[in-house]
Protein backbone atom coordinates (compact mmCIF):
# COMPACT_ATOMS: atom_id res chain seq x y z
CA MET A 1 4.86 -2.05 8.40
CA GLY A 2 2.38 -3.40 10.97
CA GLN A 3 2.85 -0.61 13.52
CA LEU A 4 2.84 2.05 10.81
CA GLY A 5 -0.47 0.82 9.47
CA LEU A 6 -2.04 0.61 12.91
CA MET A 7 -0.73 4.09 13.79
CA ALA A 8 -2.21 5.63 10.64
CA SER A 9 -5.49 3.81 11.18
CA TYR A 10 -5.81 5.08 14.75
CA SER A 11 -4.67 8.63 13.99
CA TYR A 12 -7.13 9.09 11.13
CA GLY A 13 -10.01 7.00 12.43
CA GLY A 14 -9.66 4.32 9.73
CA THR A 15 -9.95 6.85 6.90
CA PHE A 16 -7.35 4.97 4.86
CA GLY A 17 -8.20 1.47 6.05
CA ASP A 18 -7.32 -0.46 9.17
CA GLY A 19 -4.12 -2.17 10.23
CA GLU A 20 -2.32 -4.06 7.46
CA ASP A 21 -5.04 -2.96 5.01
CA ASN A 22 -4.05 0.69 5.43
CA ILE A 23 -3.58 1.82 1.83
CA ALA A 24 -1.23 4.69 2.66
CA ALA A 25 1.09 2.67 4.90
CA ALA A 26 1.04 -0.31 2.53
CA GLY A 27 2.74 1.71 -0.20
CA THR A 28 5.64 2.90 1.94
CA ARG A 29 9.13 1.46 2.24
CA PRO A 30 11.40 1.62 5.33
CA GLU A 31 13.76 4.10 3.67
CA TRP A 32 10.81 6.49 3.18
CA THR A 33 9.87 6.53 6.87
CA LEU A 34 11.02 8.33 10.00
CA CYS A 35 9.46 7.12 13.23
CA ALA A 36 9.93 7.70 16.96
CA PHE A 37 9.86 4.72 19.34
CA ASP A 38 9.59 4.34 23.10
CA PRO A 39 12.08 1.65 24.18
CA ALA A 40 10.47 1.52 27.61
CA ALA A 41 7.16 0.35 26.14
CA GLN A 42 6.65 -2.74 23.99
CA THR A 43 4.03 -4.16 21.68
CA GLU A 44 2.54 -7.61 22.16
CA SER A 45 5.26 -8.99 19.87
CA GLY A 46 7.99 -7.48 22.02
CA GLN A 47 8.93 -4.61 19.69
CA PRO A 48 9.53 -1.06 20.98
CA MET A 49 6.29 0.95 20.88
CA MET A 50 5.98 3.37 17.96
CA ALA A 51 5.18 6.82 19.34
CA THR A 52 5.17 8.86 16.10
CA SER A 53 4.92 7.81 12.45
CA PHE A 54 6.03 9.64 9.31
CA ALA A 55 6.46 8.68 5.65
CA ALA A 56 7.32 10.62 2.49
CA PHE A 57 6.70 9.21 -0.98
CA PRO A 58 9.18 10.18 -3.75
CA PHE A 59 6.84 12.04 -6.10
CA THR A 60 7.40 14.25 -9.13
CA THR A 61 5.06 17.22 -9.46
CA ARG A 62 4.52 20.04 -11.93
CA ALA A 63 5.47 23.65 -11.23
CA ASN A 64 4.20 25.97 -13.97
CA GLY A 65 5.32 23.72 -16.78
CA ARG A 66 8.39 22.19 -15.12
CA ALA A 67 8.86 18.85 -13.40
CA MET A 68 10.39 18.80 -9.93
CA ALA A 69 10.98 16.24 -7.20
CA MET A 70 8.61 16.43 -4.23
CA ALA A 71 8.37 14.55 -0.96
CA GLY A 72 4.73 13.50 -0.55
CA ILE A 73 4.32 13.36 3.21
CA SER A 74 1.74 10.94 4.61
CA VAL A 75 0.73 8.78 7.59
CA ILE A 76 1.89 11.32 10.16
CA GLY A 77 0.56 10.51 13.59
CA THR A 78 1.46 10.48 17.27
CA ARG A 79 -0.14 8.33 19.95
CA PRO A 80 -2.14 10.57 22.33
CA GLU A 81 0.06 9.67 25.30
CA TYR A 82 3.16 10.96 23.46
CA ARG A 83 1.77 14.21 22.11
CA ARG A 84 3.00 17.72 23.00
CA GLN A 85 6.58 16.45 23.36
CA GLY A 86 7.99 17.86 20.11
CA LEU A 87 8.31 14.49 18.36
CA VAL A 88 6.77 15.60 15.05
CA ARG A 89 8.89 18.75 15.06
CA THR A 90 12.04 16.69 15.58
CA ILE A 91 11.09 14.34 12.76
CA MET A 92 10.12 17.20 10.42
CA THR A 93 13.46 18.93 11.02
CA ARG A 94 15.39 15.77 10.18
CA ALA A 95 13.08 14.97 7.25
CA PHE A 96 13.63 18.35 5.61
CA ALA A 97 17.41 17.89 5.84
CA GLU A 98 17.16 14.41 4.29
CA GLN A 99 14.79 15.61 1.57
CA ARG A 100 17.22 18.37 0.68
CA GLU A 101 20.02 15.81 0.39
CA ARG A 102 17.83 13.67 -1.89
CA GLY A 103 17.09 16.63 -4.15
CA GLN A 104 13.45 16.95 -3.05
CA SER A 105 13.27 20.73 -2.88
CA LEU A 106 9.53 20.70 -2.19
CA ALA A 107 7.32 18.83 0.28
CA GLY A 108 3.56 18.36 0.05
CA LEU A 109 0.79 16.89 2.18
CA TRP A 110 -2.93 16.86 2.89
CA ALA A 111 -3.27 18.56 6.26
CA SER A 112 -5.42 16.90 8.91
CA GLN A 113 -5.38 20.23 10.74
CA ALA A 114 -4.08 23.49 9.34
CA ALA A 115 -2.83 24.63 12.75
CA ILE A 116 -0.46 21.67 12.98
CA TYR A 117 1.30 22.04 9.65
CA GLN A 118 1.46 25.81 9.50
CA ARG A 119 3.87 25.50 12.43
CA TYR A 120 6.24 23.70 10.08
CA GLY A 121 6.01 26.23 7.26
CA PHE A 122 3.34 24.61 5.09
CA ALA A 123 0.97 26.82 3.10
CA PRO A 124 -2.14 26.05 0.99
CA ALA A 125 -1.29 25.08 -2.58
CA GLY A 126 -4.69 24.70 -4.14
CA LEU A 127 -8.35 24.07 -3.43
CA ASN A 128 -10.77 21.37 -4.46
CA ARG A 129 -13.82 22.74 -6.24
CA GLY A 130 -16.84 20.53 -5.64
CA TYR A 131 -19.93 20.25 -7.85
CA ALA A 132 -23.29 18.53 -7.34
CA ILE A 133 -25.72 18.92 -10.25
CA ASP A 134 -28.78 17.07 -11.51
CA THR A 135 -28.47 15.85 -15.09
CA ALA A 136 -31.69 17.74 -15.82
CA ASP A 137 -29.79 20.97 -15.13
CA ILE A 138 -26.84 20.25 -17.43
CA ALA A 139 -27.63 22.67 -20.24
CA LEU A 140 -24.61 24.07 -22.07
CA LEU A 141 -24.23 27.48 -23.60
CA GLU A 142 -23.65 26.57 -27.23
CA THR A 143 -21.15 29.33 -27.94
CA ALA A 144 -18.93 27.15 -30.07
CA ALA A 145 -19.59 24.81 -32.95
CA ASP A 146 -17.93 21.64 -31.69
CA ALA A 147 -16.85 18.99 -34.14
CA GLU A 148 -18.78 15.75 -33.90
CA THR A 149 -16.83 13.93 -31.22
CA GLU A 150 -17.84 10.51 -30.00
CA VAL A 151 -17.71 9.71 -26.29
CA SER A 152 -17.42 5.99 -25.58
CA ARG A 153 -17.63 4.13 -22.30
CA TYR A 154 -14.99 1.60 -21.23
CA ARG A 155 -13.85 -0.33 -18.20
CA PRO A 156 -10.52 1.12 -16.99
CA GLU A 157 -8.26 -1.85 -17.63
CA GLY A 158 -8.79 -1.62 -21.39
CA VAL A 159 -7.83 2.04 -21.86
CA LEU A 160 -5.15 2.75 -19.25
CA ASP A 161 -2.53 3.68 -21.86
CA SER A 162 -4.98 6.13 -23.47
CA LEU A 163 -5.72 7.76 -20.10
CA ARG A 164 -2.05 8.12 -19.27
CA GLU A 165 -1.28 9.86 -22.57
CA VAL A 166 -4.12 12.38 -22.18
CA TYR A 167 -3.17 13.04 -18.56
CA LYS A 168 0.48 13.56 -19.49
CA GLN A 169 -0.46 16.23 -22.02
CA PHE A 170 -3.09 17.77 -19.74
CA ILE A 171 -0.72 18.41 -16.83
CA ALA A 172 2.28 19.54 -18.89
CA GLN A 173 1.81 23.28 -18.25
CA ARG A 174 0.00 22.97 -14.94
CA THR A 175 1.02 23.24 -11.28
CA GLY A 176 0.53 20.72 -8.49
CA TYR A 177 -0.40 17.65 -10.51
CA LEU A 178 1.61 14.50 -9.80
CA HIS A 179 3.39 12.37 -12.37
CA ARG A 180 1.32 9.21 -12.00
CA GLY A 181 3.06 5.87 -12.15
CA LYS A 182 1.03 2.80 -12.97
CA SER A 183 0.56 1.94 -9.29
CA LEU A 184 -0.97 5.36 -8.54
CA TRP A 185 -3.39 4.89 -11.41
CA LEU A 186 -4.41 1.39 -10.40
CA ASN A 187 -4.47 1.82 -6.62
CA SER A 188 -6.10 5.25 -6.48
CA VAL A 189 -7.76 6.69 -9.58
CA LEU A 190 -8.97 3.39 -11.04
CA ASP A 191 -9.35 1.35 -7.86
CA GLY A 192 -12.59 -0.56 -8.23
CA SER A 193 -12.61 -2.43 -4.93
CA GLU A 194 -15.65 -1.96 -2.75
CA ASN A 195 -13.37 -1.08 0.17
CA ALA A 196 -11.48 1.67 -1.65
CA GLN A 197 -11.51 4.81 0.48
CA SER A 198 -10.06 8.29 0.13
CA SER A 199 -10.78 11.34 2.24
CA ALA A 200 -10.05 13.57 -0.77
CA SER A 201 -12.28 11.93 -3.36
CA GLY A 202 -14.77 10.47 -0.92
CA LYS A 203 -14.84 7.24 -2.91
CA THR A 204 -16.20 4.57 -0.63
CA GLN A 205 -18.49 1.94 -2.12
CA ASP A 206 -19.38 4.28 -4.98
CA GLY A 207 -20.06 1.52 -7.48
CA PRO A 208 -18.18 0.17 -10.53
CA VAL A 209 -15.52 2.36 -12.12
CA TYR A 210 -16.02 3.47 -15.72
CA VAL A 211 -14.15 5.64 -18.20
CA ALA A 212 -15.79 8.05 -20.64
CA LEU A 213 -13.26 8.54 -23.42
CA VAL A 214 -13.57 11.39 -25.91
CA GLY A 215 -12.50 10.38 -29.40
CA PRO A 216 -10.81 7.18 -30.57
CA VAL A 217 -8.81 5.00 -28.19
CA GLU A 218 -5.71 5.57 -30.33
CA ALA A 219 -5.88 9.39 -30.07
CA PRO A 220 -8.36 10.57 -27.39
CA THR A 221 -8.76 14.24 -26.51
CA GLY A 222 -10.28 13.85 -23.06
CA TYR A 223 -11.62 11.48 -20.46
CA ALA A 224 -13.61 11.21 -17.25
CA VAL A 225 -13.12 8.45 -14.70
CA TYR A 226 -16.32 7.98 -12.71
CA THR A 227 -18.47 5.60 -10.71
CA LEU A 228 -22.19 4.95 -11.10
CA ARG A 229 -24.50 3.61 -8.43
CA ALA A 230 -28.23 3.54 -7.77
CA GLY A 231 -29.87 4.40 -4.47
CA ARG A 232 -27.48 7.24 -3.61
CA VAL A 233 -29.93 10.08 -4.32
CA ALA A 234 -33.31 10.75 -2.68
CA HIS A 235 -35.01 11.26 -6.00
CA ARG A 236 -37.91 8.99 -6.96
CA ALA A 237 -37.42 9.35 -10.71
CA ARG A 238 -33.61 9.64 -10.85
CA PRO A 239 -32.07 7.71 -7.92
CA GLN A 240 -28.61 7.18 -9.43
CA GLU A 241 -25.41 9.12 -8.81
CA ILE A 242 -22.35 9.66 -10.98
CA LYS A 243 -19.24 10.50 -8.97
CA VAL A 244 -16.35 11.87 -11.00
CA ARG A 245 -12.95 10.76 -9.78
CA ASP A 246 -10.74 12.29 -12.43
CA MET A 247 -11.15 14.37 -15.58
CA ALA A 248 -8.73 15.70 -18.18
CA TRP A 249 -9.23 17.38 -21.54
CA LEU A 250 -6.98 18.69 -24.29
CA ASP A 251 -9.45 21.21 -25.69
CA MET A 252 -12.78 22.77 -24.76
CA SER A 253 -14.62 20.66 -27.31
CA ALA A 254 -13.62 17.54 -25.39
CA TYR A 255 -14.57 19.16 -22.07
CA ARG A 256 -18.06 20.05 -23.30
CA ALA A 257 -18.46 16.57 -24.78
CA ILE A 258 -17.93 15.00 -21.36
CA TRP A 259 -20.69 17.12 -19.79
CA ARG A 260 -23.05 16.25 -22.66
CA PHE A 261 -22.28 12.59 -22.00
CA PHE A 262 -23.22 12.96 -18.34
CA ALA A 263 -26.47 14.72 -19.31
CA LYS A 264 -27.54 11.64 -21.29
CA HIS A 265 -27.92 9.60 -18.08
CA ASP A 266 -31.68 10.09 -17.58
CA LEU A 267 -31.79 8.09 -14.33
CA VAL A 268 -28.98 10.07 -12.69
CA GLY A 269 -30.25 12.61 -10.19
CA ARG A 270 -26.84 13.90 -9.21
CA VAL A 271 -23.44 14.25 -10.82
CA VAL A 272 -20.81 15.05 -8.20
CA TRP A 273 -17.22 16.02 -8.82
CA PRO A 274 -15.54 16.71 -5.47
CA ASN A 275 -12.03 17.51 -6.71
CA ALA A 276 -12.24 19.83 -9.71
CA PRO A 277 -9.55 22.54 -10.10
CA MET A 278 -10.22 26.14 -9.05
CA ASP A 279 -10.14 27.34 -12.65
CA ASP A 280 -12.38 24.60 -13.99
CA PRO A 281 -14.45 26.03 -16.88
CA ALA A 282 -17.84 24.56 -15.92
CA GLN A 283 -18.87 27.96 -14.55
CA VAL A 284 -18.75 29.51 -18.03
CA ILE A 285 -20.07 26.70 -20.21
CA LEU A 286 -23.30 26.00 -18.34
CA ALA A 287 -26.42 28.05 -19.00
CA GLU A 288 -27.22 28.02 -15.28
CA PRO A 289 -23.94 27.55 -13.35
CA ARG A 290 -25.71 28.09 -10.01
CA MET A 291 -27.08 24.56 -10.36
CA LEU A 292 -23.55 23.22 -9.90
CA HIS A 293 -23.91 24.12 -6.19
CA THR A 294 -20.20 24.94 -6.18
CA GLN A 295 -18.28 24.57 -2.94
CA ASP A 296 -14.55 25.08 -2.45
CA THR A 297 -12.68 23.04 0.15
CA GLU A 298 -9.10 22.89 1.39
CA ALA A 299 -6.76 20.62 -0.55
CA THR A 300 -2.98 20.13 -0.68
CA TRP A 301 -0.37 22.09 1.27
CA TRP A 302 3.21 22.70 0.13
CA ARG A 303 6.43 23.59 1.90
CA ILE A 304 9.60 24.81 0.19
CA VAL A 305 12.42 22.65 1.53
CA ASP A 306 15.31 24.07 -0.49
CA ALA A 307 14.45 27.59 -1.68
CA PRO A 308 17.34 28.18 -4.13
CA LYS A 309 16.87 24.82 -5.84
CA ALA A 310 13.07 25.00 -5.90
CA LEU A 311 13.08 28.47 -7.44
CA ALA A 312 15.61 27.40 -10.07
CA GLN A 313 13.46 24.39 -11.06
CA ARG A 314 10.13 26.20 -11.36
CA GLY A 315 8.71 27.43 -14.66
CA TYR A 316 8.32 31.18 -15.31
CA ASN A 317 6.62 33.25 -17.96
CA ALA A 318 9.27 35.94 -18.35
CA ASN A 319 12.99 36.63 -18.12
CA ALA A 320 13.63 38.86 -15.10
CA GLU A 321 15.72 39.39 -12.00
CA LEU A 322 14.39 39.63 -8.45
CA VAL A 323 16.31 39.89 -5.18
CA PHE A 324 14.55 38.74 -2.03
CA LYS A 325 15.37 38.06 1.59
CA LEU A 326 14.13 35.04 3.56
CA ALA A 327 14.25 34.97 7.34
CA GLY A 328 12.94 32.99 10.30
CA ASP A 329 13.11 29.47 8.87
CA ASP A 330 14.39 27.50 11.86
CA LEU A 331 13.45 24.08 10.42
CA ALA A 332 15.33 24.65 7.16
CA PRO A 333 17.88 27.34 8.10
CA TRP A 334 19.73 26.99 4.79
CA ASN A 335 16.83 28.92 3.23
CA ASN A 336 17.56 32.05 5.26
CA GLY A 337 19.47 34.85 3.58
CA SER A 338 19.29 37.09 0.54
CA TRP A 339 18.94 35.47 -2.88
CA CYS A 340 19.05 36.72 -6.45
CA LEU A 341 16.61 34.95 -8.75
CA GLN A 342 17.26 35.24 -12.50
CA THR A 343 14.37 33.56 -14.27
CA SER A 344 14.26 31.86 -17.64
CA ALA A 345 11.02 31.74 -19.61
CA ASP A 346 12.41 28.77 -21.54
CA ASP A 347 11.04 25.58 -19.98
CA ALA A 348 14.12 23.72 -21.18
CA THR A 349 16.52 26.03 -19.30
CA ASP A 350 16.87 26.27 -15.54
CA SER A 351 16.61 29.64 -13.86
CA GLN A 352 19.53 30.75 -11.69
CA VAL A 353 19.50 31.46 -7.94
CA THR A 354 22.63 32.80 -6.27
CA PRO A 355 23.43 34.52 -2.95
CA ALA A 356 22.65 38.20 -3.35
CA THR A 357 24.92 41.15 -2.66
CA LYS A 358 22.31 43.77 -3.56
CA ALA A 359 19.64 45.12 -1.25
CA PRO A 360 16.53 42.91 -1.42
CA ASP A 361 13.53 43.92 -3.50
CA LEU A 362 11.24 41.83 -1.28
CA THR A 363 11.33 40.48 2.26
CA LEU A 364 9.22 37.47 3.22
CA SER A 365 9.18 34.15 5.06
CA SER A 366 9.64 30.70 3.55
CA LYS A 367 5.96 30.01 4.15
CA THR A 368 4.93 33.15 2.26
CA LEU A 369 7.37 32.26 -0.51
CA THR A 370 5.62 28.88 -0.77
CA SER A 371 2.28 30.63 -1.36
CA LEU A 372 3.87 32.79 -4.05
CA PHE A 373 5.76 29.86 -5.57
CA SER A 374 2.66 27.69 -5.98
CA GLY A 375 0.58 30.47 -7.49
CA MET A 376 -2.00 30.13 -4.74
CA TYR A 377 -1.70 33.82 -3.87
CA GLY A 378 -0.12 36.68 -5.76
CA ALA A 379 2.52 39.06 -4.41
CA GLN A 380 0.13 42.01 -4.14
CA THR A 381 -2.37 39.95 -2.15
CA LEU A 382 0.36 38.74 0.19
CA ALA A 383 1.60 42.32 0.57
CA ASN A 384 -1.94 43.48 1.34
CA TRP A 385 -2.03 40.91 4.14
CA GLY A 386 1.27 42.15 5.58
CA LEU A 387 3.11 38.91 4.69
CA LEU A 388 5.41 40.35 2.03
CA HIS A 389 7.25 43.68 2.05
CA GLY A 390 8.76 45.66 -0.80
CA LYS A 391 8.34 48.64 -3.06
CA PRO A 392 5.28 48.74 -5.36
CA ASP A 393 7.28 48.12 -8.54
CA ALA A 394 9.02 45.08 -7.01
CA ILE A 395 5.68 43.67 -5.80
CA ALA A 396 4.21 44.16 -9.27
CA LYS A 397 7.20 42.42 -10.83
CA ALA A 398 6.83 39.46 -8.46
CA ASP A 399 3.10 39.30 -9.21
CA SER A 400 3.82 38.91 -12.91
CA LEU A 401 6.83 36.66 -12.48
CA PHE A 402 5.16 34.08 -10.23
CA ALA A 403 1.81 33.96 -12.03
CA THR A 404 0.94 30.39 -13.03
CA ARG A 405 -0.61 29.42 -16.36
CA TYR A 406 -3.24 27.43 -14.46
CA LYS A 407 -4.37 27.51 -10.85
CA PRO A 408 -2.49 25.03 -8.63
CA HIS A 409 -4.30 21.76 -8.11
CA CYS A 410 -3.68 18.16 -7.05
CA PRO A 411 -6.58 15.73 -7.49
CA ASP A 412 -4.65 12.82 -5.95
CA HIS A 413 -4.78 12.13 -2.24
CA TYR A 414 -1.72 10.54 -0.63
């Protein structure tokens, strides 16, 4: 994995660590990689020079209440001297075919540049909502009489099982969240090393990692994973900063309790949460939400690899039938054609997708279907932008059918 680590380090300017310490490359296995080599050039050890790197982790993600296999693409890079030769396109084409064979009907990534990955059919599948608020400005609208709920502070290693249970319930009906194995918890969310880095969470030397747990350890109703460090804020009276890495809650009482807990830190001049979901409720529970200084930034991108299978695996809110035509997918040509989608609102029953003999209700590309599939954009919005075509009643049906219970979101960088 030496060349893979060095390639990722050079391509991303050390964002994920350098060389053998590269945290993305370190978690990969040979069978998860596709790389291009130049046999005419050699490394110092005599190996063929790696020209392009590519890896895809075998993840499971949520799709409106259903679990589905996803290829989490990472460490893509090409040495400058080998760029503009179609190497990534060749690898992507082969990767999509292999992912389809493995049953990974969806691919996801964090795009270094949108222009690169839109060429391969990727579309935005969520945003990160960032907050930065002084504890002095955390005043909640007391619209509900919350039960007395204790929030206790722990070090992560003592409450990992409690966190995993809350997270499992929290993501059950959501879209975009990953099923976290123990390694993803320990090496990402709870990583307390001073060298831990992530371009998504911005966690580099942020201080010790703590957990605020709502309720008893045996049956918590929410948590926040955060770091706390002094000297990060130019505030003479409150020089400390809390940086939230991860938050989950099972009811609004638990959510409000976490914010009250943050407000009790009198020496904290800034609470930052860089990766909140788009539909996070902070905007409606704070008396002065402007003080959150909300900023939305680009997050994960998805690509439908196997349209019939992906559509059958997704969760829906109604039983309906929709016929659509896909065209122009030259990297995954098996997606092209007319398909009949018969949805099931029962999360225990797969929907059905079969080749269609009827005239299509909608016509769109695989990339546009990805936007609809993830819930990032509705059918009417996509139609307004000229990306989806159909009669008004069919567009309205698709709008309702593909609506997600929660906005798509992935707080984990990979």
